[in-house]
PDB file of N, CA and C in Angstrom:
ATOM      1  N   MET A   1     -71.705  20.768   1.996  1.00  0.00           N
ATOM      2  CA  MET A   1     -72.342  21.741   1.124  1.00  0.00           C
ATOM      3  C   MET A   1     -71.265  22.680   0.585  1.00  0.00           C
ATOM      4  N   THR A   2     -71.289  22.893  -0.701  1.00  0.00           N
ATOM      5  CA  THR A   2     -70.246  23.711  -1.310  1.00  0.00           C
ATOM      6  C   THR A   2     -70.731  25.094  -1.731  1.00  0.00           C
ATOM      7  N   ARG A   3     -72.051  25.326  -1.712  1.00  0.00           N
ATOM      8  CA  ARG A   3     -72.541  26.640  -2.131  1.00  0.00           C
ATOM      9  C   ARG A   3     -72.245  27.678  -1.050  1.00  0.00           C
ATOM     10  N   GLN A   4     -72.185  28.917  -1.468  1.00  0.00           N
ATOM     11  CA  GLN A   4     -71.910  30.002  -0.536  1.00  0.00           C
ATOM     12  C   GLN A   4     -73.073  30.165   0.439  1.00  0.00           C
ATOM     13  N   ARG A   5     -72.767  30.354   1.709  1.00  0.00           N
ATOM     14  CA  ARG A   5     -73.781  30.566   2.730  1.00  0.00           C
ATOM     15  C   ARG A   5     -73.965  32.052   2.959  1.00  0.00           C
ATOM     16  N   GLY A   6     -75.136  32.420   3.391  1.00  0.00           N
ATOM     17  CA  GLY A   6     -75.377  33.821   3.697  1.00  0.00           C
ATOM     18  C   GLY A   6     -76.843  34.159   3.538  1.00  0.00           C
ATOM     19  N   LEU A   7     -77.152  35.414   3.766  1.00  0.00           N
ATOM     20  CA  LEU A   7     -78.514  35.905   3.666  1.00  0.00           C
ATOM     21  C   LEU A   7     -78.613  36.879   2.500  1.00  0.00           C
ATOM     22  N   MET A   8     -79.723  36.819   1.773  1.00  0.00           N
ATOM     23  CA  MET A   8     -79.919  37.729   0.655  1.00  0.00           C
ATOM     24  C   MET A   8     -80.131  39.149   1.181  1.00  0.00           C
ATOM     25  N   SER A   9     -79.520  40.103   0.530  1.00  0.00           N
ATOM     26  CA  SER A   9     -79.702  41.505   0.916  1.00  0.00           C
ATOM     27  C   SER A   9     -81.041  42.019   0.389  1.00  0.00           C
ATOM     28  N   LEU A  10     -81.560  43.036   1.047  1.00  0.00           N
ATOM     29  CA  LEU A  10     -82.801  43.656   0.599  1.00  0.00           C
ATOM     30  C   LEU A  10     -82.620  44.253  -0.793  1.00  0.00           C
ATOM     31  N   ASP A  11     -81.477  44.853  -1.059  1.00  0.00           N
ATOM     32  CA  ASP A  11     -81.219  45.444  -2.386  1.00  0.00           C
ATOM     33  C   ASP A  11     -81.288  44.401  -3.493  1.00  0.00           C
ATOM     34  N   LEU A  12     -80.666  43.241  -3.287  1.00  0.00           N
ATOM     35  CA  LEU A  12     -80.713  42.183  -4.299  1.00  0.00           C
ATOM     36  C   LEU A  12     -82.145  41.687  -4.471  1.00  0.00           C
ATOM     37  N   PHE A  13     -82.858  41.486  -3.362  1.00  0.00           N
ATOM     38  CA  PHE A  13     -84.245  41.029  -3.439  1.00  0.00           C
ATOM     39  C   PHE A  13     -85.100  42.015  -4.230  1.00  0.00           C
ATOM     40  N   GLN A  14     -84.960  43.299  -3.947  1.00  0.00           N
ATOM     41  CA  GLN A  14     -85.738  44.313  -4.660  1.00  0.00           C
ATOM     42  C   GLN A  14     -85.407  44.303  -6.148  1.00  0.00           C
ATOM     43  N   SER A  15     -84.153  44.087  -6.481  1.00  0.00           N
ATOM     44  CA  SER A  15     -83.745  44.015  -7.882  1.00  0.00           C
ATOM     45  C   SER A  15     -84.432  42.849  -8.593  1.00  0.00           C
ATOM     46  N   ILE A  16     -84.546  41.722  -7.906  1.00  0.00           N
ATOM     47  CA  ILE A  16     -85.220  40.557  -8.493  1.00  0.00           C
ATOM     48  C   ILE A  16     -86.701  40.855  -8.697  1.00  0.00           C
ATOM     49  N   ILE A  17     -87.346  41.424  -7.694  1.00  0.00           N
ATOM     50  CA  ILE A  17     -88.771  41.770  -7.800  1.00  0.00           C
ATOM     51  C   ILE A  17     -88.978  42.793  -8.918  1.00  0.00           C
ATOM     52  N   ASP A  18     -88.071  43.738  -9.027  1.00  0.00           N
ATOM     53  CA  ASP A  18     -88.183  44.769 -10.066  1.00  0.00           C
ATOM     54  C   ASP A  18     -88.146  44.178 -11.474  1.00  0.00           C
ATOM     55  N   ASP A  19     -87.499  43.022 -11.632  1.00  0.00           N
ATOM     56  CA  ASP A  19     -87.455  42.362 -12.949  1.00  0.00           C
ATOM     57  C   ASP A  19     -88.845  41.950 -13.431  1.00  0.00           C
ATOM     58  N   PHE A  20     -89.812  41.872 -12.515  1.00  0.00           N
ATOM     59  CA  PHE A  20     -91.164  41.439 -12.872  1.00  0.00           C
ATOM     60  C   PHE A  20     -92.162  42.585 -12.961  1.00  0.00           C
ATOM     61  N   LYS A  21     -91.704  43.823 -12.843  1.00  0.00           N
ATOM     62  CA  LYS A  21     -92.626  44.969 -12.816  1.00  0.00           C
ATOM     63  C   LYS A  21     -93.534  45.031 -14.038  1.00  0.00           C
ATOM     64  N   LYS A  22     -93.023  44.715 -15.201  1.00  0.00           N
ATOM     65  CA  LYS A  22     -93.812  44.844 -16.429  1.00  0.00           C
ATOM     66  C   LYS A  22     -94.627  43.600 -16.755  1.00  0.00           C
ATOM     67  N   GLU A  23     -94.475  42.553 -15.978  1.00  0.00           N
ATOM     68  CA  GLU A  23     -95.201  41.309 -16.234  1.00  0.00           C
ATOM     69  C   GLU A  23     -96.622  41.416 -15.704  1.00  0.00           C
ATOM     70  N   ASP A  24     -97.580  40.915 -16.475  1.00  0.00           N
ATOM     71  CA  ASP A  24     -98.976  40.916 -16.031  1.00  0.00           C
ATOM     72  C   ASP A  24     -99.217  39.914 -14.910  1.00  0.00           C
ATOM     73  N   VAL A  25     -98.605  38.756 -15.033  1.00  0.00           N
ATOM     74  CA  VAL A  25     -98.752  37.713 -14.022  1.00  0.00           C
ATOM     75  C   VAL A  25     -97.491  37.696 -13.170  1.00  0.00           C
ATOM     76  N   LYS A  26     -97.670  37.908 -11.879  1.00  0.00           N
ATOM     77  CA  LYS A  26     -96.531  37.948 -10.956  1.00  0.00           C
ATOM     78  C   LYS A  26     -96.361  36.583 -10.298  1.00  0.00           C
ATOM     79  N   PRO A  27     -95.139  36.066 -10.263  1.00  0.00           N
ATOM     80  CA  PRO A  27     -94.932  34.782  -9.591  1.00  0.00           C
ATOM     81  C   PRO A  27     -95.060  34.923  -8.079  1.00  0.00           C
ATOM     82  N   ALA A  28     -95.475  33.850  -7.440  1.00  0.00           N
ATOM     83  CA  ALA A  28     -95.494  33.808  -5.980  1.00  0.00           C
ATOM     84  C   ALA A  28     -94.049  33.767  -5.489  1.00  0.00           C
ATOM     85  N   ILE A  29     -93.808  34.401  -4.369  1.00  0.00           N
ATOM     86  CA  ILE A  29     -92.465  34.439  -3.792  1.00  0.00           C
ATOM     87  C   ILE A  29     -92.455  33.525  -2.575  1.00  0.00           C
ATOM     88  N   PHE A  30     -91.606  32.493  -2.622  1.00  0.00           N
ATOM     89  CA  PHE A  30     -91.502  31.518  -1.545  1.00  0.00           C
ATOM     90  C   PHE A  30     -90.208  31.752  -0.769  1.00  0.00           C
ATOM     91  N   PHE A  31     -90.348  32.026   0.504  1.00  0.00           N
ATOM     92  CA  PHE A  31     -89.192  32.166   1.393  1.00  0.00           C
ATOM     93  C   PHE A  31     -89.025  30.835   2.124  1.00  0.00           C
ATOM     94  N   ASN A  32     -88.285  29.938   1.508  1.00  0.00           N
ATOM     95  CA  ASN A  32     -88.002  28.633   2.093  1.00  0.00           C
ATOM     96  C   ASN A  32     -86.906  27.973   1.291  1.00  0.00           C
ATOM     97  N   PHE A  33     -86.551  26.777   1.646  1.00  0.00           N
ATOM     98  CA  PHE A  33     -85.582  25.924   0.981  1.00  0.00           C
ATOM     99  C   PHE A  33     -84.163  26.169   1.476  1.00  0.00           C
ATOM    100  N   SER A  34     -83.664  25.187   2.154  1.00  0.00           N
ATOM    101  CA  SER A  34     -82.256  25.138   2.544  1.00  0.00           C
ATOM    102  C   SER A  34     -81.828  26.338   3.369  1.00  0.00           C
ATOM    103  N   GLY A  35     -82.628  26.666   4.344  1.00  0.00           N
ATOM    104  CA  GLY A  35     -82.286  27.764   5.240  1.00  0.00           C
ATOM    105  C   GLY A  35     -83.515  28.233   6.001  1.00  0.00           C
ATOM    106  N   GLU A  36     -83.302  29.019   7.016  1.00  0.00           N
ATOM    107  CA  GLU A  36     -84.386  29.519   7.850  1.00  0.00           C
ATOM    108  C   GLU A  36     -84.645  30.984   7.523  1.00  0.00           C
ATOM    109  N   PRO A  37     -85.754  31.304   6.851  1.00  0.00           N
ATOM    110  CA  PRO A  37     -86.007  32.678   6.411  1.00  0.00           C
ATOM    111  C   PRO A  37     -86.138  33.691   7.546  1.00  0.00           C
ATOM    112  N   THR A  38     -86.570  33.249   8.728  1.00  0.00           N
ATOM    113  CA  THR A  38     -86.748  34.211   9.815  1.00  0.00           C
ATOM    114  C   THR A  38     -85.425  34.689  10.409  1.00  0.00           C
ATOM    115  N   LEU A  39     -84.307  34.129   9.981  1.00  0.00           N
ATOM    116  CA  LEU A  39     -82.997  34.626  10.423  1.00  0.00           C
ATOM    117  C   LEU A  39     -82.612  35.913   9.691  1.00  0.00           C
ATOM    118  N   ASN A  40     -83.256  36.175   8.560  1.00  0.00           N
ATOM    119  CA  ASN A  40     -82.951  37.378   7.783  1.00  0.00           C
ATOM    120  C   ASN A  40     -83.760  38.546   8.343  1.00  0.00           C
ATOM    121  N   LYS A  41     -83.076  39.518   8.923  1.00  0.00           N
ATOM    122  CA  LYS A  41     -83.751  40.673   9.532  1.00  0.00           C
ATOM    123  C   LYS A  41     -84.550  41.488   8.508  1.00  0.00           C
ATOM    124  N   ALA A  42     -84.225  41.342   7.239  1.00  0.00           N
ATOM    125  CA  ALA A  42     -84.931  42.080   6.183  1.00  0.00           C
ATOM    126  C   ALA A  42     -86.207  41.377   5.725  1.00  0.00           C
ATOM    127  N   LEU A  43     -86.535  40.220   6.296  1.00  0.00           N
ATOM    128  CA  LEU A  43     -87.681  39.444   5.817  1.00  0.00           C
ATOM    129  C   LEU A  43     -88.982  40.253   5.766  1.00  0.00           C
ATOM    130  N   PRO A  44     -89.379  40.970   6.816  1.00  0.00           N
ATOM    131  CA  PRO A  44     -90.625  41.745   6.714  1.00  0.00           C
ATOM    132  C   PRO A  44     -90.580  42.797   5.602  1.00  0.00           C
ATOM    133  N   ASP A  45     -89.424  43.413   5.395  1.00  0.00           N
ATOM    134  CA  ASP A  45     -89.282  44.401   4.325  1.00  0.00           C
ATOM    135  C   ASP A  45     -89.365  43.734   2.953  1.00  0.00           C
ATOM    136  N   MET A  46     -88.826  42.540   2.828  1.00  0.00           N
ATOM    137  CA  MET A  46     -88.911  41.790   1.571  1.00  0.00           C
ATOM    138  C   MET A  46     -90.357  41.423   1.268  1.00  0.00           C
ATOM    139  N   ILE A  47     -91.065  40.942   2.286  1.00  0.00           N
ATOM    140  CA  ILE A  47     -92.478  40.593   2.116  1.00  0.00           C
ATOM    141  C   ILE A  47     -93.264  41.822   1.681  1.00  0.00           C
ATOM    142  N   ALA A  48     -93.032  42.942   2.352  1.00  0.00           N
ATOM    143  CA  ALA A  48     -93.756  44.182   2.030  1.00  0.00           C
ATOM    144  C   ALA A  48     -93.469  44.632   0.606  1.00  0.00           C
ATOM    145  N   TYR A  49     -92.216  44.550   0.173  1.00  0.00           N
ATOM    146  CA  TYR A  49     -91.848  44.984  -1.177  1.00  0.00           C
ATOM    147  C   TYR A  49     -92.524  44.096  -2.226  1.00  0.00           C
ATOM    148  N   ALA A  50     -92.480  42.790  -2.003  1.00  0.00           N
ATOM    149  CA  ALA A  50     -93.127  41.866  -2.936  1.00  0.00           C
ATOM    150  C   ALA A  50     -94.642  42.098  -2.961  1.00  0.00           C
ATOM    151  N   HIS A  51     -95.227  42.271  -1.794  1.00  0.00           N
ATOM    152  CA  HIS A  51     -96.672  42.506  -1.696  1.00  0.00           C
ATOM    153  C   HIS A  51     -97.082  43.781  -2.439  1.00  0.00           C
ATOM    154  N   ARG A  52     -96.329  44.861  -2.240  1.00  0.00           N
ATOM    155  CA  ARG A  52     -96.628  46.133  -2.912  1.00  0.00           C
ATOM    156  C   ARG A  52     -96.554  46.019  -4.422  1.00  0.00           C
ATOM    157  N   HIS A  53     -95.776  45.065  -4.907  1.00  0.00           N
ATOM    158  CA  HIS A  53     -95.596  44.900  -6.347  1.00  0.00           C
ATOM    159  C   HIS A  53     -96.427  43.743  -6.909  1.00  0.00           C
ATOM    160  N   GLY A  54     -97.428  43.288  -6.165  1.00  0.00           N
ATOM    161  CA  GLY A  54     -98.398  42.348  -6.697  1.00  0.00           C
ATOM    162  C   GLY A  54     -98.093  40.870  -6.554  1.00  0.00           C
ATOM    163  N   HIS A  55     -97.096  40.520  -5.768  1.00  0.00           N
ATOM    164  CA  HIS A  55     -96.726  39.119  -5.578  1.00  0.00           C
ATOM    165  C   HIS A  55     -97.368  38.569  -4.309  1.00  0.00           C
ATOM    166  N   SER A  56     -97.824  37.320  -4.361  1.00  0.00           N
ATOM    167  CA  SER A  56     -98.201  36.647  -3.126  1.00  0.00           C
ATOM    168  C   SER A  56     -96.914  36.113  -2.497  1.00  0.00           C
ATOM    169  N   THR A  57     -96.953  35.911  -1.185  1.00  0.00           N
ATOM    170  CA  THR A  57     -95.749  35.491  -0.472  1.00  0.00           C
ATOM    171  C   THR A  57     -96.051  34.307   0.436  1.00  0.00           C
ATOM    172  N   PHE A  58     -95.058  33.452   0.587  1.00  0.00           N
ATOM    173  CA  PHE A  58     -95.172  32.250   1.420  1.00  0.00           C
ATOM    174  C   PHE A  58     -93.890  32.097   2.217  1.00  0.00           C
ATOM    175  N   VAL A  59     -94.021  31.870   3.507  1.00  0.00           N
ATOM    176  CA  VAL A  59     -92.876  31.605   4.376  1.00  0.00           C
ATOM    177  C   VAL A  59     -93.052  30.216   4.982  1.00  0.00           C
ATOM    178  N   SER A  60     -92.000  29.413   4.940  1.00  0.00           N
ATOM    179  CA  SER A  60     -91.954  28.130   5.630  1.00  0.00           C
ATOM    180  C   SER A  60     -90.869  28.247   6.689  1.00  0.00           C
ATOM    181  N   THR A  61     -91.230  28.021   7.940  1.00  0.00           N
ATOM    182  CA  THR A  61     -90.291  28.228   9.041  1.00  0.00           C
ATOM    183  C   THR A  61     -90.396  27.113  10.071  1.00  0.00           C
ATOM    184  N   ASN A  62     -89.287  26.822  10.725  1.00  0.00           N
ATOM    185  CA  ASN A  62     -89.318  25.876  11.833  1.00  0.00           C
ATOM    186  C   ASN A  62     -89.810  26.554  13.110  1.00  0.00           C
ATOM    187  N   ALA A  63     -90.036  27.858  13.037  1.00  0.00           N
ATOM    188  CA  ALA A  63     -90.640  28.664  14.103  1.00  0.00           C
ATOM    189  C   ALA A  63     -89.782  28.813  15.351  1.00  0.00           C
ATOM    190  N   THR A  64     -88.528  28.388  15.315  1.00  0.00           N
ATOM    191  CA  THR A  64     -87.705  28.518  16.513  1.00  0.00           C
ATOM    192  C   THR A  64     -87.306  29.966  16.784  1.00  0.00           C
ATOM    193  N   LYS A  65     -87.325  30.810  15.779  1.00  0.00           N
ATOM    194  CA  LYS A  65     -86.992  32.232  15.937  1.00  0.00           C
ATOM    195  C   LYS A  65     -88.206  33.132  15.707  1.00  0.00           C
ATOM    196  N   LEU A  66     -89.385  32.543  15.605  1.00  0.00           N
ATOM    197  CA  LEU A  66     -90.593  33.305  15.316  1.00  0.00           C
ATOM    198  C   LEU A  66     -91.198  33.826  16.620  1.00  0.00           C
ATOM    199  N   GLU A  67     -90.984  35.103  16.875  1.00  0.00           N
ATOM    200  CA  GLU A  67     -91.537  35.734  18.064  1.00  0.00           C
ATOM    201  C   GLU A  67     -92.684  36.644  17.651  1.00  0.00           C
ATOM    202  N   ALA A  68     -93.442  37.110  18.630  1.00  0.00           N
ATOM    203  CA  ALA A  68     -94.665  37.883  18.375  1.00  0.00           C
ATOM    204  C   ALA A  68     -94.398  39.097  17.490  1.00  0.00           C
ATOM    205  N   ASP A  69     -93.327  39.839  17.752  1.00  0.00           N
ATOM    206  CA  ASP A  69     -93.047  41.047  16.971  1.00  0.00           C
ATOM    207  C   ASP A  69     -92.787  40.717  15.503  1.00  0.00           C
ATOM    208  N   LEU A  70     -91.998  39.689  15.247  1.00  0.00           N
ATOM    209  CA  LEU A  70     -91.712  39.294  13.864  1.00  0.00           C
ATOM    210  C   LEU A  70     -92.981  38.808  13.177  1.00  0.00           C
ATOM    211  N   ALA A  71     -93.781  38.007  13.854  1.00  0.00           N
ATOM    212  CA  ALA A  71     -95.036  37.520  13.275  1.00  0.00           C
ATOM    213  C   ALA A  71     -95.941  38.698  12.905  1.00  0.00           C
ATOM    214  N   ARG A  72     -96.076  39.661  13.795  1.00  0.00           N
ATOM    215  CA  ARG A  72     -96.907  40.844  13.536  1.00  0.00           C
ATOM    216  C   ARG A  72     -96.373  41.624  12.344  1.00  0.00           C
ATOM    217  N   ARG A  73     -95.059  41.821  12.283  1.00  0.00           N
ATOM    218  CA  ARG A  73     -94.461  42.582  11.182  1.00  0.00           C
ATOM    219  C   ARG A  73     -94.663  41.878   9.844  1.00  0.00           C
ATOM    220  N   MET A  74     -94.566  40.557   9.818  1.00  0.00           N
ATOM    221  CA  MET A  74     -94.782  39.820   8.571  1.00  0.00           C
ATOM    222  C   MET A  74     -96.240  39.919   8.123  1.00  0.00           C
ATOM    223  N   ILE A  75     -97.164  39.805   9.056  1.00  0.00           N
ATOM    224  CA  ILE A  75     -98.590  39.917   8.721  1.00  0.00           C
ATOM    225  C   ILE A  75     -98.898  41.316   8.208  1.00  0.00           C
ATOM    226  N   GLU A  76     -98.409  42.337   8.912  1.00  0.00           N
ATOM    227  CA  GLU A  76     -98.651  43.724   8.493  1.00  0.00           C
ATOM    228  C   GLU A  76     -97.996  44.036   7.154  1.00  0.00           C
ATOM    229  N   ALA A  77     -96.934  43.313   6.809  1.00  0.00           N
ATOM    230  CA  ALA A  77     -96.245  43.510   5.533  1.00  0.00           C
ATOM    231  C   ALA A  77     -97.039  42.931   4.367  1.00  0.00           C
ATOM    232  N   GLY A  78     -98.023  42.076   4.668  1.00  0.00           N
ATOM    233  CA  GLY A  78     -98.841  41.502   3.603  1.00  0.00           C
ATOM    234  C   GLY A  78     -98.590  40.031   3.326  1.00  0.00           C
ATOM    235  N   LEU A  79     -97.986  39.319   4.264  1.00  0.00           N
ATOM    236  CA  LEU A  79     -97.719  37.896   4.077  1.00  0.00           C
ATOM    237  C   LEU A  79     -99.001  37.156   3.698  1.00  0.00           C
ATOM    238  N   THR A  80     -98.916  36.349   2.647  1.00  0.00           N
ATOM    239  CA  THR A  80    -100.079  35.606   2.161  1.00  0.00           C
ATOM    240  C   THR A  80    -100.290  34.298   2.920  1.00  0.00           C
ATOM    241  N   ARG A  81     -99.209  33.518   3.075  1.00  0.00           N
ATOM    242  CA  ARG A  81     -99.305  32.210   3.738  1.00  0.00           C
ATOM    243  C   ARG A  81     -98.055  31.936   4.542  1.00  0.00           C
ATOM    244  N   ILE A  82     -98.216  31.109   5.582  1.00  0.00           N
ATOM    245  CA  ILE A  82     -97.068  30.656   6.371  1.00  0.00           C
ATOM    246  C   ILE A  82     -97.269  29.198   6.744  1.00  0.00           C
ATOM    247  N   ALA A  83     -96.190  28.436   6.732  1.00  0.00           N
ATOM    248  CA  ALA A  83     -96.200  27.044   7.188  1.00  0.00           C
ATOM    249  C   ALA A  83     -95.254  26.952   8.377  1.00  0.00           C
ATOM    250  N   LEU A  84     -95.768  26.451   9.475  1.00  0.00           N
ATOM    251  CA  LEU A  84     -94.955  26.240  10.672  1.00  0.00           C
ATOM    252  C   LEU A  84     -94.586  24.764  10.712  1.00  0.00           C
ATOM    253  N   CYS A  85     -93.318  24.476  10.525  1.00  0.00           N
ATOM    254  CA  CYS A  85     -92.849  23.103  10.419  1.00  0.00           C
ATOM    255  C   CYS A  85     -92.377  22.615  11.785  1.00  0.00           C
ATOM    256  N   MET A  86     -93.138  21.714  12.352  1.00  0.00           N
ATOM    257  CA  MET A  86     -92.789  21.148  13.653  1.00  0.00           C
ATOM    258  C   MET A  86     -92.121  19.791  13.438  1.00  0.00           C
ATOM    259  N   ASP A  87     -91.089  19.544  14.202  1.00  0.00           N
ATOM    260  CA  ASP A  87     -90.329  18.313  14.038  1.00  0.00           C
ATOM    261  C   ASP A  87     -90.696  17.256  15.064  1.00  0.00           C
ATOM    262  N   GLY A  88     -91.667  17.540  15.905  1.00  0.00           N
ATOM    263  CA  GLY A  88     -92.092  16.570  16.906  1.00  0.00           C
ATOM    264  C   GLY A  88     -93.397  16.996  17.537  1.00  0.00           C
ATOM    265  N   PHE A  89     -94.116  16.033  18.086  1.00  0.00           N
ATOM    266  CA  PHE A  89     -95.409  16.327  18.701  1.00  0.00           C
ATOM    267  C   PHE A  89     -95.304  16.571  20.198  1.00  0.00           C
ATOM    268  N   SER A  90     -94.095  16.564  20.706  1.00  0.00           N
ATOM    269  CA  SER A  90     -93.886  16.864  22.125  1.00  0.00           C
ATOM    270  C   SER A  90     -92.659  17.764  22.237  1.00  0.00           C
ATOM    271  N   LYS A  91     -92.537  18.443  23.364  1.00  0.00           N
ATOM    272  CA  LYS A  91     -91.382  19.300  23.610  1.00  0.00           C
ATOM    273  C   LYS A  91     -90.087  18.477  23.502  1.00  0.00           C
ATOM    274  N   GLN A  92     -90.083  17.289  24.066  1.00  0.00           N
ATOM    275  CA  GLN A  92     -88.902  16.425  24.039  1.00  0.00           C
ATOM    276  C   GLN A  92     -88.534  16.030  22.603  1.00  0.00           C
ATOM    277  N   ALA A  93     -89.507  15.640  21.815  1.00  0.00           N
ATOM    278  CA  ALA A  93     -89.229  15.243  20.431  1.00  0.00           C
ATOM    279  C   ALA A  93     -88.733  16.426  19.616  1.00  0.00           C
ATOM    280  N   GLN A  94     -89.366  17.582  19.760  1.00  0.00           N
ATOM    281  CA  GLN A  94     -88.951  18.788  19.027  1.00  0.00           C
ATOM    282  C   GLN A  94     -87.511  19.152  19.378  1.00  0.00           C
ATOM    283  N   GLU A  95     -87.203  19.166  20.659  1.00  0.00           N
ATOM    284  CA  GLU A  95     -85.877  19.603  21.088  1.00  0.00           C
ATOM    285  C   GLU A  95     -84.785  18.571  20.812  1.00  0.00           C
ATOM    286  N   SER A  96     -85.160  17.328  20.577  1.00  0.00           N
ATOM    287  CA  SER A  96     -84.137  16.334  20.211  1.00  0.00           C
ATOM    288  C   SER A  96     -83.628  16.604  18.794  1.00  0.00           C
ATOM    289  N   TYR A  97     -84.453  17.244  17.972  1.00  0.00           N
ATOM    290  CA  TYR A  97     -84.070  17.564  16.605  1.00  0.00           C
ATOM    291  C   TYR A  97     -83.574  19.004  16.491  1.00  0.00           C
ATOM    292  N   ARG A  98     -84.268  19.934  17.107  1.00  0.00           N
ATOM    293  CA  ARG A  98     -83.908  21.361  17.058  1.00  0.00           C
ATOM    294  C   ARG A  98     -83.156  21.713  18.340  1.00  0.00           C
ATOM    295  N   VAL A  99     -81.904  21.331  18.398  1.00  0.00           N
ATOM    296  CA  VAL A  99     -81.092  21.547  19.586  1.00  0.00           C
ATOM    297  C   VAL A  99     -80.783  23.035  19.747  1.00  0.00           C
ATOM    298  N   ASN A 100     -81.062  23.544  20.943  1.00  0.00           N
ATOM    299  CA  ASN A 100     -80.853  24.963  21.278  1.00  0.00           C
ATOM    300  C   ASN A 100     -81.643  25.878  20.375  1.00  0.00           C
TER     301      ASN A 100
END
């Protein structure tokens, strides 16, 4: 992979959302694709900012870092939908793919 790796800052995210303030129809905001959104500590704040500005939000996660506090914070922030992506139907199958 040659693209730069990293996590989006809250400031950059807010700037993107602000670009849609004058639009009547707000696009849905999807936190997924080529990375794990729950690794970004700003995720609940991003969800809340998008929600306050009229956007629906969707998170797709492998759930390996999804703990009760983060789940509660995302729900309270206004999360619209979440997909929990499991890689196996047993503990052994899941852990053979999601090592550590």
